[in-house]
Amino acid sequence: MPASVPVSQLNTRLTFNYAIAILAVAAALSVGLMFEHFLQSSPHVSLFLCAILFIAWACGTGPAIFATLLTIVAFEYFILEPAHSFAITEKDVPRLAVFSLAAFFVVLLS
């Protein structure tokens, strides 16, 4: 960033980028849950990875890492059994690990 940009403007832009990351993850989760409810399809991983790619492209690495962390939490809370709980069963640990690695790999590629 150029030295002539005021600090308040940088803070506003940074806040805006992180807000977009939250909205993109929320949109991906909402669309995935609607697909699951109405079409009995579960495209959650694809939608989460698309949200991370969009955030990395539009907002940068920091918001993309934040979006990745949000998607991991959303994946664990909404998708893995037992749903709506942060309890992780032993059989879901590999699934969560592979998703986490894939999400961070997408950020690294971006």
N, C-alpha and C. Protein backbone atom coordinates (compact mmCIF):
# COMPACT_ATOMS: atom_id res chain seq x y z
N MET A 1 0.83 -1.18 0.00
CA MET A 1 0.00 0.00 0.00
C MET A 1 0.88 1.25 0.00
N PRO A 2 0.46 2.27 -0.71
CA PRO A 2 1.21 3.52 -0.73
C PRO A 2 1.17 4.19 0.64
N ALA A 3 2.22 4.93 0.93
CA ALA A 3 2.32 5.61 2.23
C ALA A 3 1.31 6.75 2.35
N SER A 4 0.76 7.22 1.24
CA SER A 4 -0.16 8.35 1.29
C SER A 4 -1.59 7.96 1.67
N VAL A 5 -1.89 6.67 1.79
CA VAL A 5 -3.24 6.22 2.14
C VAL A 5 -3.41 6.37 3.65
N PRO A 6 -4.46 7.07 4.10
CA PRO A 6 -4.66 7.24 5.55
C PRO A 6 -4.93 5.90 6.24
N VAL A 7 -4.53 5.82 7.50
CA VAL A 7 -4.70 4.60 8.27
C VAL A 7 -6.17 4.25 8.43
N SER A 8 -7.03 5.25 8.60
CA SER A 8 -8.46 4.97 8.76
C SER A 8 -9.04 4.33 7.51
N GLN A 9 -8.55 4.74 6.34
CA GLN A 9 -9.03 4.13 5.10
C GLN A 9 -8.55 2.69 4.99
N LEU A 10 -7.33 2.40 5.43
CA LEU A 10 -6.82 1.03 5.42
C LEU A 10 -7.63 0.15 6.37
N ASN A 11 -7.96 0.67 7.55
CA ASN A 11 -8.77 -0.09 8.51
C ASN A 11 -10.16 -0.36 7.97
N THR A 12 -10.74 0.62 7.28
CA THR A 12 -12.07 0.44 6.69
C THR A 12 -12.03 -0.63 5.61
N ARG A 13 -11.02 -0.59 4.78
CA ARG A 13 -10.88 -1.59 3.71
C ARG A 13 -10.67 -2.99 4.28
N LEU A 14 -9.84 -3.08 5.32
CA LEU A 14 -9.57 -4.37 5.95
C LEU A 14 -10.85 -4.93 6.59
N THR A 15 -11.59 -4.08 7.28
CA THR A 15 -12.85 -4.51 7.88
C THR A 15 -13.83 -4.96 6.81
N PHE A 16 -13.89 -4.24 5.71
CA PHE A 16 -14.77 -4.59 4.60
C PHE A 16 -14.40 -5.95 4.02
N ASN A 17 -13.10 -6.21 3.86
CA ASN A 17 -12.66 -7.50 3.31
C ASN A 17 -13.04 -8.67 4.22
N TYR A 18 -12.88 -8.50 5.52
CA TYR A 18 -13.24 -9.57 6.45
C TYR A 18 -14.76 -9.75 6.52
N ALA A 19 -15.51 -8.66 6.37
CA ALA A 19 -16.98 -8.76 6.33
C ALA A 19 -17.43 -9.52 5.09
N ILE A 20 -16.76 -9.29 3.96
CA ILE A 20 -17.08 -10.03 2.74
C ILE A 20 -16.78 -11.52 2.94
N ALA A 21 -15.70 -11.83 3.64
CA ALA A 21 -15.36 -13.23 3.92
C ALA A 21 -16.47 -13.89 4.72
N ILE A 22 -16.97 -13.21 5.73
CA ILE A 22 -18.07 -13.77 6.54
C ILE A 22 -19.31 -13.98 5.68
N LEU A 23 -19.63 -13.00 4.85
CA LEU A 23 -20.83 -13.11 4.00
C LEU A 23 -20.69 -14.21 2.96
N ALA A 24 -19.50 -14.38 2.40
CA ALA A 24 -19.30 -15.43 1.39
C ALA A 24 -19.45 -16.82 2.01
N VAL A 25 -18.89 -17.01 3.21
CA VAL A 25 -19.03 -18.31 3.88
C VAL A 25 -20.48 -18.55 4.27
N ALA A 26 -21.16 -17.51 4.75
CA ALA A 26 -22.58 -17.65 5.11
C ALA A 26 -23.42 -17.98 3.88
N ALA A 27 -23.12 -17.36 2.76
CA ALA A 27 -23.85 -17.64 1.53
C ALA A 27 -23.61 -19.08 1.07
N ALA A 28 -22.36 -19.52 1.11
CA ALA A 28 -22.04 -20.90 0.71
C ALA A 28 -22.75 -21.90 1.61
N LEU A 29 -22.75 -21.64 2.91
CA LEU A 29 -23.45 -22.52 3.84
C LEU A 29 -24.95 -22.53 3.58
N SER A 30 -25.52 -21.37 3.36
CA SER A 30 -26.97 -21.28 3.12
C SER A 30 -27.37 -22.02 1.84
N VAL A 31 -26.63 -21.81 0.78
CA VAL A 31 -26.93 -22.48 -0.48
C VAL A 31 -26.77 -23.99 -0.32
N GLY A 32 -25.73 -24.41 0.37
CA GLY A 32 -25.52 -25.84 0.60
C GLY A 32 -26.64 -26.48 1.41
N LEU A 33 -27.09 -25.77 2.44
CA LEU A 33 -28.21 -26.30 3.24
C LEU A 33 -29.51 -26.34 2.45
N MET A 34 -29.71 -25.35 1.56
CA MET A 34 -30.91 -25.38 0.71
C MET A 34 -30.84 -26.54 -0.28
N PHE A 35 -29.67 -26.76 -0.87
CA PHE A 35 -29.50 -27.90 -1.77
C PHE A 35 -29.80 -29.20 -1.03
N GLU A 36 -29.28 -29.31 0.18
CA GLU A 36 -29.49 -30.53 0.97
C GLU A 36 -30.97 -30.73 1.29
N HIS A 37 -31.65 -29.65 1.63
CA HIS A 37 -33.07 -29.76 2.02
C HIS A 37 -33.97 -30.02 0.81
N PHE A 38 -33.79 -29.26 -0.26
CA PHE A 38 -34.72 -29.35 -1.38
C PHE A 38 -34.33 -30.38 -2.44
N LEU A 39 -33.05 -30.63 -2.63
CA LEU A 39 -32.61 -31.52 -3.70
C LEU A 39 -31.94 -32.79 -3.20
N GLN A 40 -31.84 -32.94 -1.89
CA GLN A 40 -31.17 -34.09 -1.27
C GLN A 40 -29.77 -34.28 -1.85
N SER A 41 -29.08 -33.16 -2.03
CA SER A 41 -27.72 -33.14 -2.55
C SER A 41 -26.85 -32.38 -1.55
N SER A 42 -25.59 -32.76 -1.44
CA SER A 42 -24.70 -32.12 -0.46
C SER A 42 -23.45 -31.56 -1.13
N PRO A 43 -23.56 -30.37 -1.72
CA PRO A 43 -22.38 -29.78 -2.37
C PRO A 43 -21.57 -28.87 -1.44
N HIS A 44 -21.59 -29.15 -0.14
CA HIS A 44 -20.99 -28.24 0.83
C HIS A 44 -19.50 -28.00 0.57
N VAL A 45 -18.76 -29.04 0.34
CA VAL A 45 -17.31 -28.89 0.16
C VAL A 45 -17.02 -28.02 -1.06
N SER A 46 -17.69 -28.28 -2.15
CA SER A 46 -17.48 -27.49 -3.37
C SER A 46 -17.83 -26.03 -3.15
N LEU A 47 -18.94 -25.79 -2.48
CA LEU A 47 -19.36 -24.41 -2.22
C LEU A 47 -18.39 -23.70 -1.28
N PHE A 48 -17.93 -24.38 -0.25
CA PHE A 48 -16.98 -23.78 0.67
C PHE A 48 -15.66 -23.45 -0.04
N LEU A 49 -15.18 -24.37 -0.87
CA LEU A 49 -13.94 -24.12 -1.60
C LEU A 49 -14.09 -22.96 -2.59
N CYS A 50 -15.26 -22.86 -3.22
CA CYS A 50 -15.52 -21.73 -4.12
C CYS A 50 -15.53 -20.41 -3.35
N ALA A 51 -16.12 -20.42 -2.16
CA ALA A 51 -16.13 -19.20 -1.34
C ALA A 51 -14.71 -18.80 -0.95
N ILE A 52 -13.89 -19.78 -0.58
CA ILE A 52 -12.51 -19.49 -0.21
C ILE A 52 -11.74 -18.94 -1.41
N LEU A 53 -11.93 -19.54 -2.59
CA LEU A 53 -11.27 -19.04 -3.80
C LEU A 53 -11.69 -17.61 -4.11
N PHE A 54 -12.97 -17.34 -4.00
CA PHE A 54 -13.47 -15.98 -4.26
C PHE A 54 -12.85 -14.98 -3.30
N ILE A 55 -12.82 -15.32 -2.03
CA ILE A 55 -12.26 -14.41 -1.03
C ILE A 55 -10.76 -14.21 -1.27
N ALA A 56 -10.04 -15.27 -1.57
CA ALA A 56 -8.61 -15.15 -1.84
C ALA A 56 -8.36 -14.24 -3.03
N TRP A 57 -9.18 -14.38 -4.06
CA TRP A 57 -9.02 -13.58 -5.27
C TRP A 57 -9.42 -12.12 -5.03
N ALA A 58 -10.55 -11.91 -4.36
CA ALA A 58 -11.09 -10.56 -4.22
C ALA A 58 -10.52 -9.78 -3.04
N CYS A 59 -10.15 -10.48 -1.96
CA CYS A 59 -9.81 -9.77 -0.72
C CYS A 59 -8.39 -10.02 -0.22
N GLY A 60 -7.74 -11.07 -0.67
CA GLY A 60 -6.37 -11.31 -0.24
C GLY A 60 -6.24 -12.52 0.66
N THR A 61 -5.01 -12.75 1.10
CA THR A 61 -4.68 -13.95 1.85
C THR A 61 -5.25 -13.95 3.27
N GLY A 62 -5.17 -12.83 3.97
CA GLY A 62 -5.67 -12.76 5.35
C GLY A 62 -7.15 -13.12 5.44
N PRO A 63 -8.01 -12.43 4.69
CA PRO A 63 -9.42 -12.80 4.69
C PRO A 63 -9.68 -14.22 4.20
N ALA A 64 -8.85 -14.72 3.28
CA ALA A 64 -9.02 -16.10 2.79
C ALA A 64 -8.72 -17.11 3.89
N ILE A 65 -7.69 -16.86 4.68
CA ILE A 65 -7.39 -17.75 5.81
C ILE A 65 -8.52 -17.68 6.83
N PHE A 66 -9.04 -16.48 7.07
CA PHE A 66 -10.18 -16.32 7.98
C PHE A 66 -11.39 -17.08 7.46
N ALA A 67 -11.67 -16.97 6.15
CA ALA A 67 -12.78 -17.70 5.53
C ALA A 67 -12.56 -19.20 5.65
N THR A 68 -11.32 -19.65 5.51
CA THR A 68 -11.01 -21.07 5.65
C THR A 68 -11.33 -21.55 7.05
N LEU A 69 -10.93 -20.79 8.04
CA LEU A 69 -11.25 -21.16 9.42
C LEU A 69 -12.76 -21.19 9.66
N LEU A 70 -13.46 -20.21 9.10
CA LEU A 70 -14.92 -20.20 9.23
C LEU A 70 -15.57 -21.41 8.56
N THR A 71 -15.07 -21.80 7.39
CA THR A 71 -15.65 -22.96 6.71
C THR A 71 -15.37 -24.25 7.47
N ILE A 72 -14.20 -24.34 8.08
CA ILE A 72 -13.90 -25.54 8.88
C ILE A 72 -14.86 -25.64 10.06
N VAL A 73 -15.10 -24.52 10.72
CA VAL A 73 -16.05 -24.51 11.85
C VAL A 73 -17.46 -24.83 11.36
N ALA A 74 -17.87 -24.22 10.26
CA ALA A 74 -19.21 -24.49 9.72
C ALA A 74 -19.35 -25.93 9.28
N PHE A 75 -18.33 -26.47 8.64
CA PHE A 75 -18.35 -27.86 8.20
C PHE A 75 -18.51 -28.79 9.39
N GLU A 76 -17.77 -28.52 10.44
CA GLU A 76 -17.84 -29.38 11.63
C GLU A 76 -19.20 -29.24 12.32
N TYR A 77 -19.72 -28.03 12.42
CA TYR A 77 -20.95 -27.79 13.17
C TYR A 77 -22.20 -28.23 12.40
N PHE A 78 -22.26 -27.90 11.11
CA PHE A 78 -23.49 -28.14 10.35
C PHE A 78 -23.49 -29.45 9.56
N ILE A 79 -22.34 -29.93 9.14
CA ILE A 79 -22.30 -31.05 8.20
C ILE A 79 -21.98 -32.37 8.88
N LEU A 80 -20.95 -32.39 9.70
CA LEU A 80 -20.55 -33.65 10.33
C LEU A 80 -21.51 -34.03 11.45
N GLU A 81 -21.66 -35.34 11.64
CA GLU A 81 -22.53 -35.85 12.70
C GLU A 81 -21.80 -35.84 14.03
N PRO A 82 -22.45 -35.56 15.13
CA PRO A 82 -23.83 -35.11 15.25
C PRO A 82 -23.97 -33.66 14.81
N ALA A 83 -25.00 -33.39 14.02
CA ALA A 83 -25.23 -32.05 13.49
C ALA A 83 -25.56 -31.09 14.62
N HIS A 84 -25.22 -29.82 14.40
CA HIS A 84 -25.46 -28.74 15.37
C HIS A 84 -24.77 -29.00 16.69
N SER A 85 -23.57 -29.54 16.59
CA SER A 85 -22.76 -29.82 17.77
C SER A 85 -21.30 -29.74 17.37
N PHE A 86 -20.46 -29.32 18.31
CA PHE A 86 -19.03 -29.29 18.04
C PHE A 86 -18.35 -30.58 18.46
N ALA A 87 -19.13 -31.59 18.83
CA ALA A 87 -18.57 -32.90 19.17
C ALA A 87 -18.12 -33.58 17.88
N ILE A 88 -16.90 -34.11 17.91
CA ILE A 88 -16.35 -34.79 16.73
C ILE A 88 -16.25 -36.27 17.04
N THR A 89 -16.86 -37.08 16.18
CA THR A 89 -16.73 -38.52 16.35
C THR A 89 -15.40 -38.96 15.72
N GLU A 90 -14.91 -40.08 16.17
CA GLU A 90 -13.61 -40.57 15.70
C GLU A 90 -13.62 -40.84 14.20
N LYS A 91 -14.75 -41.28 13.67
CA LYS A 91 -14.81 -41.60 12.24
C LYS A 91 -14.81 -40.35 11.36
N ASP A 92 -15.15 -39.18 11.93
CA ASP A 92 -15.18 -37.94 11.15
C ASP A 92 -13.88 -37.16 11.19
N VAL A 93 -12.93 -37.57 12.01
CA VAL A 93 -11.66 -36.85 12.10
C VAL A 93 -10.93 -36.85 10.74
N PRO A 94 -10.81 -37.99 10.05
CA PRO A 94 -10.14 -37.94 8.74
C PRO A 94 -10.87 -37.04 7.73
N ARG A 95 -12.18 -37.06 7.76
CA ARG A 95 -12.97 -36.24 6.83
C ARG A 95 -12.72 -34.75 7.09
N LEU A 96 -12.71 -34.37 8.36
CA LEU A 96 -12.45 -32.98 8.72
C LEU A 96 -11.01 -32.60 8.38
N ALA A 97 -10.08 -33.51 8.59
CA ALA A 97 -8.67 -33.23 8.29
C ALA A 97 -8.45 -33.05 6.79
N VAL A 98 -9.04 -33.91 5.98
CA VAL A 98 -8.89 -33.80 4.52
C VAL A 98 -9.51 -32.50 4.02
N PHE A 99 -10.69 -32.16 4.54
CA PHE A 99 -11.32 -30.90 4.14
C PHE A 99 -10.45 -29.71 4.53
N SER A 100 -9.91 -29.74 5.73
CA SER A 100 -9.06 -28.64 6.21
C SER A 100 -7.81 -28.50 5.35
N LEU A 101 -7.17 -29.61 5.03
CA LEU A 101 -5.98 -29.57 4.18
C LEU A 101 -6.31 -29.05 2.78
N ALA A 102 -7.43 -29.50 2.23
CA ALA A 102 -7.83 -29.03 0.90
C ALA A 102 -8.13 -27.52 0.92
N ALA A 103 -8.78 -27.06 1.97
CA ALA A 103 -9.12 -25.64 2.06
C ALA A 103 -7.85 -24.80 2.19
N PHE A 104 -6.90 -25.21 3.02
CA PHE A 104 -5.66 -24.45 3.14
C PHE A 104 -4.81 -24.55 1.87
N PHE A 105 -4.89 -25.66 1.16
CA PHE A 105 -4.20 -25.81 -0.11
C PHE A 105 -4.74 -24.83 -1.14
N VAL A 106 -6.05 -24.64 -1.14
CA VAL A 106 -6.67 -23.68 -2.06
C VAL A 106 -6.17 -22.28 -1.75
N VAL A 107 -6.03 -21.94 -0.48
CA VAL A 107 -5.50 -20.62 -0.13
C VAL A 107 -4.06 -20.48 -0.60
N LEU A 108 -3.27 -21.53 -0.41
CA LEU A 108 -1.87 -21.47 -0.86
C LEU A 108 -1.76 -21.30 -2.37
N LEU A 109 -2.64 -21.95 -3.11
CA LEU A 109 -2.63 -21.81 -4.57
C LEU A 109 -3.04 -20.41 -5.02
N SER A 110 -3.86 -19.79 -4.23
CA SER A 110 -4.36 -18.47 -4.60
C SER A 110 -3.35 -17.41 -4.27
